[in-house]
Amino acid sequence: MIRFLLSTVINAFGLWVVTLCIPAIKLQPYGGTEFWPTVGSFLLVGIVFGFVNGIIAPVIKVLAFPLYILTFGLISFVINGSLLLFVAWLSKLWAGDVLTIYGLTKEGLTIETLGWAILGSIVMSIVAFFARGIFKVLRLL
């Protein structure tokens, strides 16, 4: 349980860094723009991202194993970007425009959308790598 909570905090922190670094990815907080609704919104989307990475990602990675071999693992960028797009789409289902990625509309996706999502997943992976390292040094993870 502690590992799941720390993973959620790491995902939320990574998502916060992504929204600061990449202008095409934005998060509109539930209930206003004050501090606590913003933190709660990042944590909620972090929980959803954790569930998507925990349940859907392993299945996709097993099915895409031949593509991992053919592309020397570079397909993981596309898969992680697609999972970030999926989380953005899920957030649109429950509360309008919570997590938005430029180009993600009701009509479908544009090529730019996947590019922004891939860039966002790369930044999020880098942040998560360093955050997990810090938590391991502190012996919390």
C-alpha atoms as a PDB file:
ATOM      1  CA  MET A   1       0.000   0.000   0.000  1.00  0.00           C
ATOM      2  CA  ILE A   2       2.836   2.381   0.820  1.00  0.00           C
ATOM      3  CA  ARG A   3       4.478   1.565  -2.512  1.00  0.00           C
ATOM      4  CA  PHE A   4       1.250   2.407  -4.371  1.00  0.00           C
ATOM      5  CA  LEU A   5       0.890   5.714  -2.502  1.00  0.00           C
ATOM      6  CA  LEU A   6       4.494   6.689  -3.224  1.00  0.00           C
ATOM      7  CA  SER A   7       4.068   5.696  -6.853  1.00  0.00           C
ATOM      8  CA  THR A   8       0.974   7.907  -7.041  1.00  0.00           C
ATOM      9  CA  VAL A   9       2.885  10.848  -5.571  1.00  0.00           C
ATOM     10  CA  ILE A  10       5.734  10.253  -8.038  1.00  0.00           C
ATOM     11  CA  ASN A  11       3.267  10.114 -10.960  1.00  0.00           C
ATOM     12  CA  ALA A  12       1.571  13.302  -9.784  1.00  0.00           C
ATOM     13  CA  PHE A  13       4.920  15.064  -9.392  1.00  0.00           C
ATOM     14  CA  GLY A  14       6.005  13.890 -12.849  1.00  0.00           C
ATOM     15  CA  LEU A  15       2.748  15.112 -14.334  1.00  0.00           C
ATOM     16  CA  TRP A  16       3.218  18.481 -12.621  1.00  0.00           C
ATOM     17  CA  VAL A  17       6.709  18.809 -14.130  1.00  0.00           C
ATOM     18  CA  VAL A  18       5.329  17.831 -17.541  1.00  0.00           C
ATOM     19  CA  THR A  19       2.654  20.535 -17.358  1.00  0.00           C
ATOM     20  CA  LEU A  20       5.337  23.078 -16.435  1.00  0.00           C
ATOM     21  CA  CYS A  21       7.800  22.067 -19.189  1.00  0.00           C
ATOM     22  CA  ILE A  22       5.520  21.305 -22.118  1.00  0.00           C
ATOM     23  CA  PRO A  23       3.109  24.068 -23.153  1.00  0.00           C
ATOM     24  CA  ALA A  24       0.775  21.717 -25.037  1.00  0.00           C
ATOM     25  CA  ILE A  25      -0.068  19.609 -21.956  1.00  0.00           C
ATOM     26  CA  LYS A  26      -2.236  21.288 -19.351  1.00  0.00           C
ATOM     27  CA  LEU A  27      -4.157  20.217 -16.275  1.00  0.00           C
ATOM     28  CA  GLN A  28      -7.241  22.156 -15.202  1.00  0.00           C
ATOM     29  CA  PRO A  29      -7.843  21.459 -11.494  1.00  0.00           C
ATOM     30  CA  TYR A  30     -11.191  20.381 -10.120  1.00  0.00           C
ATOM     31  CA  GLY A  31     -12.872  22.975  -7.952  1.00  0.00           C
ATOM     32  CA  GLY A  32     -10.784  26.029  -8.768  1.00  0.00           C
ATOM     33  CA  THR A  33      -7.185  27.069  -9.021  1.00  0.00           C
ATOM     34  CA  GLU A  34      -6.318  27.145  -5.323  1.00  0.00           C
ATOM     35  CA  PHE A  35      -3.480  25.031  -3.951  1.00  0.00           C
ATOM     36  CA  TRP A  36      -5.375  22.029  -2.542  1.00  0.00           C
ATOM     37  CA  PRO A  37      -7.744  21.468  -5.481  1.00  0.00           C
ATOM     38  CA  THR A  38      -4.704  21.601  -7.769  1.00  0.00           C
ATOM     39  CA  VAL A  39      -2.797  19.064  -5.656  1.00  0.00           C
ATOM     40  CA  GLY A  40      -5.886  16.835  -5.479  1.00  0.00           C
ATOM     41  CA  SER A  41      -6.330  16.975  -9.235  1.00  0.00           C
ATOM     42  CA  PHE A  42      -2.704  16.011  -9.864  1.00  0.00           C
ATOM     43  CA  LEU A  43      -3.006  13.151  -7.359  1.00  0.00           C
ATOM     44  CA  LEU A  44      -6.254  11.913  -8.938  1.00  0.00           C
ATOM     45  CA  VAL A  45      -4.764  11.895 -12.436  1.00  0.00           C
ATOM     46  CA  GLY A  46      -1.624  10.293 -10.936  1.00  0.00           C
ATOM     47  CA  ILE A  47      -3.778   7.482  -9.517  1.00  0.00           C
ATOM     48  CA  VAL A  48      -5.417   6.940 -12.902  1.00  0.00           C
ATOM     49  CA  PHE A  49      -2.002   6.953 -14.600  1.00  0.00           C
ATOM     50  CA  GLY A  50      -0.765   4.410 -12.028  1.00  0.00           C
ATOM     51  CA  PHE A  51      -3.706   2.099 -12.713  1.00  0.00           C
ATOM     52  CA  VAL A  52      -3.238   2.416 -16.478  1.00  0.00           C
ATOM     53  CA  ASN A  53       0.490   1.658 -16.140  1.00  0.00           C
ATOM     54  CA  GLY A  54      -0.187  -1.214 -13.766  1.00  0.00           C
ATOM     55  CA  ILE A  55      -3.011  -2.934 -15.640  1.00  0.00           C
ATOM     56  CA  ILE A  56      -2.959  -2.006 -19.321  1.00  0.00           C
ATOM     57  CA  ALA A  57       0.754  -1.359 -19.948  1.00  0.00           C
ATOM     58  CA  PRO A  58       1.993  -4.910 -19.183  1.00  0.00           C
ATOM     59  CA  VAL A  59      -0.551  -6.402 -21.583  1.00  0.00           C
ATOM     60  CA  ILE A  60       0.410  -3.988 -24.355  1.00  0.00           C
ATOM     61  CA  LYS A  61       4.119  -4.565 -23.764  1.00  0.00           C
ATOM     62  CA  VAL A  62       3.720  -8.342 -24.002  1.00  0.00           C
ATOM     63  CA  LEU A  63       1.693  -8.040 -27.193  1.00  0.00           C
ATOM     64  CA  ALA A  64       4.199  -5.566 -28.673  1.00  0.00           C
ATOM     65  CA  PHE A  65       7.256  -7.675 -27.825  1.00  0.00           C
ATOM     66  CA  PRO A  66       8.109  -8.327 -31.505  1.00  0.00           C
ATOM     67  CA  LEU A  67       8.035  -4.563 -32.115  1.00  0.00           C
ATOM     68  CA  TYR A  68      10.405  -4.063 -29.181  1.00  0.00           C
ATOM     69  CA  ILE A  69      12.867  -6.399 -30.878  1.00  0.00           C
ATOM     70  CA  LEU A  70      12.458  -4.827 -34.335  1.00  0.00           C
ATOM     71  CA  THR A  71      12.840  -1.247 -33.078  1.00  0.00           C
ATOM     72  CA  PHE A  72      15.446  -1.983 -30.384  1.00  0.00           C
ATOM     73  CA  GLY A  73      13.015  -0.779 -27.700  1.00  0.00           C
ATOM     74  CA  LEU A  74      12.203   2.570 -29.290  1.00  0.00           C
ATOM     75  CA  ILE A  75       8.550   1.557 -29.603  1.00  0.00           C
ATOM     76  CA  SER A  76       8.314   2.059 -25.819  1.00  0.00           C
ATOM     77  CA  PHE A  77       8.252   5.846 -26.402  1.00  0.00           C
ATOM     78  CA  VAL A  78       5.192   5.468 -28.632  1.00  0.00           C
ATOM     79  CA  ILE A  79       3.514   3.066 -26.197  1.00  0.00           C
ATOM     80  CA  ASN A  80       4.102   5.342 -23.194  1.00  0.00           C
ATOM     81  CA  GLY A  81       2.881   8.360 -25.159  1.00  0.00           C
ATOM     82  CA  SER A  82      -0.226   6.443 -26.160  1.00  0.00           C
ATOM     83  CA  LEU A  83      -0.862   5.536 -22.530  1.00  0.00           C
ATOM     84  CA  LEU A  84      -0.579   9.213 -21.582  1.00  0.00           C
ATOM     85  CA  LEU A  85      -3.104  10.018 -24.327  1.00  0.00           C
ATOM     86  CA  PHE A  86      -5.362   7.302 -22.924  1.00  0.00           C
ATOM     87  CA  VAL A  87      -5.196   8.891 -19.455  1.00  0.00           C
ATOM     88  CA  ALA A  88      -6.045  12.285 -20.991  1.00  0.00           C
ATOM     89  CA  TRP A  89      -8.999  10.708 -22.763  1.00  0.00           C
ATOM     90  CA  LEU A  90     -10.171   9.035 -19.547  1.00  0.00           C
ATOM     91  CA  SER A  91      -9.951  12.344 -17.712  1.00  0.00           C
ATOM     92  CA  LYS A  92     -12.158  13.930 -20.390  1.00  0.00           C
ATOM     93  CA  LEU A  93     -14.776  11.255 -19.719  1.00  0.00           C
ATOM     94  CA  TRP A  94     -15.220  12.009 -16.034  1.00  0.00           C
ATOM     95  CA  ALA A  95     -14.772  15.783 -15.888  1.00  0.00           C
ATOM     96  CA  GLY A  96     -14.448  17.697 -19.118  1.00  0.00           C
ATOM     97  CA  ASP A  97     -11.044  19.178 -19.843  1.00  0.00           C
ATOM     98  CA  VAL A  98      -8.989  18.126 -16.838  1.00  0.00           C
ATOM     99  CA  LEU A  99      -5.853  16.828 -18.564  1.00  0.00           C
ATOM    100  CA  THR A 100      -5.574  18.248 -22.058  1.00  0.00           C
ATOM    101  CA  ILE A 101      -3.010  17.581 -24.736  1.00  0.00           C
ATOM    102  CA  TYR A 102      -2.968  19.920 -27.717  1.00  0.00           C
ATOM    103  CA  GLY A 103      -4.789  18.318 -30.627  1.00  0.00           C
ATOM    104  CA  LEU A 104      -6.816  15.810 -28.594  1.00  0.00           C
ATOM    105  CA  THR A 105     -10.377  16.577 -29.664  1.00  0.00           C
ATOM    106  CA  LYS A 106     -13.696  14.773 -29.699  1.00  0.00           C
ATOM    107  CA  GLU A 107     -13.238  14.098 -33.397  1.00  0.00           C
ATOM    108  CA  GLY A 108      -9.966  12.256 -32.893  1.00  0.00           C
ATOM    109  CA  LEU A 109      -6.238  12.793 -32.751  1.00  0.00           C
ATOM    110  CA  THR A 110      -3.764  14.697 -34.833  1.00  0.00           C
ATOM    111  CA  ILE A 111      -0.162  13.781 -35.474  1.00  0.00           C
ATOM    112  CA  GLU A 112       0.960  16.637 -33.220  1.00  0.00           C
ATOM    113  CA  THR A 113      -0.969  15.133 -30.321  1.00  0.00           C
ATOM    114  CA  LEU A 114       1.034  11.921 -30.293  1.00  0.00           C
ATOM    115  CA  GLY A 115       4.268  13.895 -30.538  1.00  0.00           C
ATOM    116  CA  TRP A 116       3.371  16.002 -27.497  1.00  0.00           C
ATOM    117  CA  ALA A 117       2.283  12.884 -25.613  1.00  0.00           C
ATOM    118  CA  ILE A 118       5.553  11.104 -26.431  1.00  0.00           C
ATOM    119  CA  LEU A 119       7.538  14.137 -25.273  1.00  0.00           C
ATOM    120  CA  GLY A 120       5.425  14.274 -22.107  1.00  0.00           C
ATOM    121  CA  SER A 121       5.996  10.592 -21.394  1.00  0.00           C
ATOM    122  CA  ILE A 122       9.760  11.033 -21.839  1.00  0.00           C
ATOM    123  CA  VAL A 123       9.830  13.935 -19.362  1.00  0.00           C
ATOM    124  CA  MET A 124       7.612  11.988 -16.960  1.00  0.00           C
ATOM    125  CA  SER A 125       9.901   8.942 -17.183  1.00  0.00           C
ATOM    126  CA  ILE A 126      12.983  11.037 -16.427  1.00  0.00           C
ATOM    127  CA  VAL A 127      11.307  12.673 -13.422  1.00  0.00           C
ATOM    128  CA  ALA A 128      10.045   9.305 -12.149  1.00  0.00           C
ATOM    129  CA  PHE A 129      13.530   7.806 -12.525  1.00  0.00           C
ATOM    130  CA  PHE A 130      15.113  10.475 -10.345  1.00  0.00           C
ATOM    131  CA  ALA A 131      12.237  10.522  -7.838  1.00  0.00           C
ATOM    132  CA  ARG A 132      12.374   6.742  -7.397  1.00  0.00           C
ATOM    133  CA  GLY A 133      16.132   7.010  -6.917  1.00  0.00           C
ATOM    134  CA  ILE A 134      15.644   9.595  -4.189  1.00  0.00           C
ATOM    135  CA  PHE A 135      12.990   7.485  -2.477  1.00  0.00           C
ATOM    136  CA  LYS A 136      15.271   4.424  -2.629  1.00  0.00           C
ATOM    137  CA  VAL A 137      18.123   6.374  -1.050  1.00  0.00           C
ATOM    138  CA  LEU A 138      15.748   7.458   1.708  1.00  0.00           C
ATOM    139  CA  ARG A 139      14.641   3.809   1.994  1.00  0.00           C
ATOM    140  CA  LEU A 140      10.993   4.695   1.472  1.00  0.00           C
ATOM    141  CA  LEU A 141      10.599   2.601  -1.655  1.00  0.00           C
END
